[in-house]
Amino acid sequence: MPSRMRGGHLAPGFEQHLKEAKNALPFKPLSETNKQIISTAKMVDLKYVDVTNGHTEDPHRDAMDENGVFGYVHDATALKKNPPPFKFVKEKVNC
């Protein structure tokens, strides 16, 4: 059953849309190049592969902070929001 449901019922007109989509033909035929690509394409294995090493290594985890603890999220506006003190001393300027 389709997952587009509203309160347990299909959205109005969705069943008709599904029927039309199943019977629809392409708007324009495939080109010879596309036909050649399809005829030589190999099957691809789309199964899930866990690359996290038991969730100890996560390629999508937040960055590490200066203590090596994960969870740091970079804030590009941090310096603008909380600038460090800066005193301009005219005598020390070397131009």
Protein backbone atom coordinates (compact mmCIF):
# COMPACT_ATOMS: atom_id res chain seq x y z
CA MET A 1 0.00 0.00 0.00
CA PRO A 2 1.38 3.48 -0.77
CA SER A 3 2.79 5.48 2.11
CA ARG A 4 1.03 8.73 1.13
CA MET A 5 -1.82 8.50 3.56
CA ARG A 6 -3.91 11.03 5.45
CA GLY A 7 -5.45 9.73 8.64
CA GLY A 8 -5.49 6.17 7.29
CA HIS A 9 -6.90 7.13 3.89
CA LEU A 10 -5.21 7.74 0.57
CA ALA A 11 -4.95 11.35 -0.51
CA PRO A 12 -7.80 12.29 -2.87
CA GLY A 13 -7.05 11.23 -6.42
CA PHE A 14 -3.89 9.34 -5.46
CA GLU A 15 -5.19 5.93 -6.48
CA GLN A 16 -6.05 7.25 -9.95
CA HIS A 17 -2.62 8.85 -10.14
CA LEU A 18 -0.98 5.48 -9.39
CA LYS A 19 -2.99 3.74 -12.12
CA GLU A 20 -2.05 6.40 -14.67
CA ALA A 21 1.61 6.32 -13.65
CA LYS A 22 1.81 2.55 -14.10
CA ASN A 23 0.35 2.77 -17.61
CA ALA A 24 2.27 5.87 -18.69
CA LEU A 25 4.65 5.62 -21.61
CA PRO A 26 7.84 7.70 -21.83
CA PHE A 27 7.27 11.15 -23.32
CA LYS A 28 10.04 10.61 -25.85
CA PRO A 29 11.76 7.37 -26.82
CA LEU A 30 15.26 6.53 -25.62
CA SER A 31 18.10 7.58 -27.86
CA GLU A 32 20.41 4.97 -29.37
CA THR A 33 23.13 6.02 -26.92
CA ASN A 34 20.79 5.50 -23.95
CA LYS A 35 19.72 2.10 -25.32
CA GLN A 36 23.37 1.08 -25.63
CA ILE A 37 24.11 2.19 -22.06
CA ILE A 38 21.12 0.26 -20.71
CA SER A 39 22.02 -2.87 -22.65
CA THR A 40 25.56 -2.96 -21.24
CA ALA A 41 24.80 -1.84 -17.67
CA LYS A 42 25.69 -4.36 -14.99
CA MET A 43 23.58 -5.14 -11.93
CA VAL A 44 24.53 -3.13 -8.85
CA ASP A 45 24.35 -4.49 -5.31
CA LEU A 46 22.40 -1.96 -3.25
CA LYS A 47 22.44 -3.76 0.09
CA TYR A 48 23.33 -1.82 3.24
CA VAL A 49 26.93 -2.12 4.38
CA ASP A 50 27.78 -0.98 7.92
CA VAL A 51 30.98 1.06 7.70
CA THR A 52 30.85 2.35 11.29
CA ASN A 53 32.81 -0.57 12.82
CA GLY A 54 30.05 -1.21 15.34
CA HIS A 55 29.31 2.52 15.62
CA THR A 56 32.80 3.28 16.98
CA GLU A 57 33.77 4.94 13.72
CA ASP A 58 31.12 7.05 12.06
CA PRO A 59 32.01 8.94 8.86
CA HIS A 60 29.07 11.30 9.41
CA ARG A 61 29.73 12.04 13.08
CA ASP A 62 30.36 15.60 14.28
CA ALA A 63 33.95 16.84 14.49
CA MET A 64 36.21 16.34 17.49
CA ASP A 65 36.90 19.22 19.84
CA GLU A 66 40.35 20.12 21.21
CA ASN A 67 40.02 17.34 23.83
CA GLY A 68 39.30 14.63 21.24
CA VAL A 69 35.62 14.41 22.17
CA PHE A 70 33.09 14.07 19.36
CA GLY A 71 30.22 16.50 19.18
CA TYR A 72 31.90 19.75 18.14
CA VAL A 73 29.81 21.65 15.61
CA HIS A 74 31.54 24.53 13.85
CA ASP A 75 29.92 27.95 14.18
CA ALA A 76 31.20 30.26 11.45
CA THR A 77 29.63 33.26 13.22
CA ALA A 78 31.24 32.62 16.64
CA LEU A 79 33.94 35.31 16.25
CA LYS A 80 31.41 37.85 15.08
CA LYS A 81 29.07 37.07 17.97
CA ASN A 82 31.79 37.03 20.63
CA PRO A 83 34.90 38.86 19.35
CA PRO A 84 38.09 38.70 21.42
CA PRO A 85 39.28 41.97 22.95
CA PHE A 86 41.49 44.00 20.63
CA LYS A 87 43.28 47.20 21.55
CA PHE A 88 44.83 49.28 18.82
CA VAL A 89 48.02 50.97 20.04
CA LYS A 90 49.10 53.67 17.62
CA GLU A 91 52.73 53.72 18.82
CA LYS A 92 53.29 50.04 17.92
CA VAL A 93 52.05 50.26 14.34
CA ASN A 94 54.77 49.65 11.74
CA CYS A 95 53.56 50.97 8.42
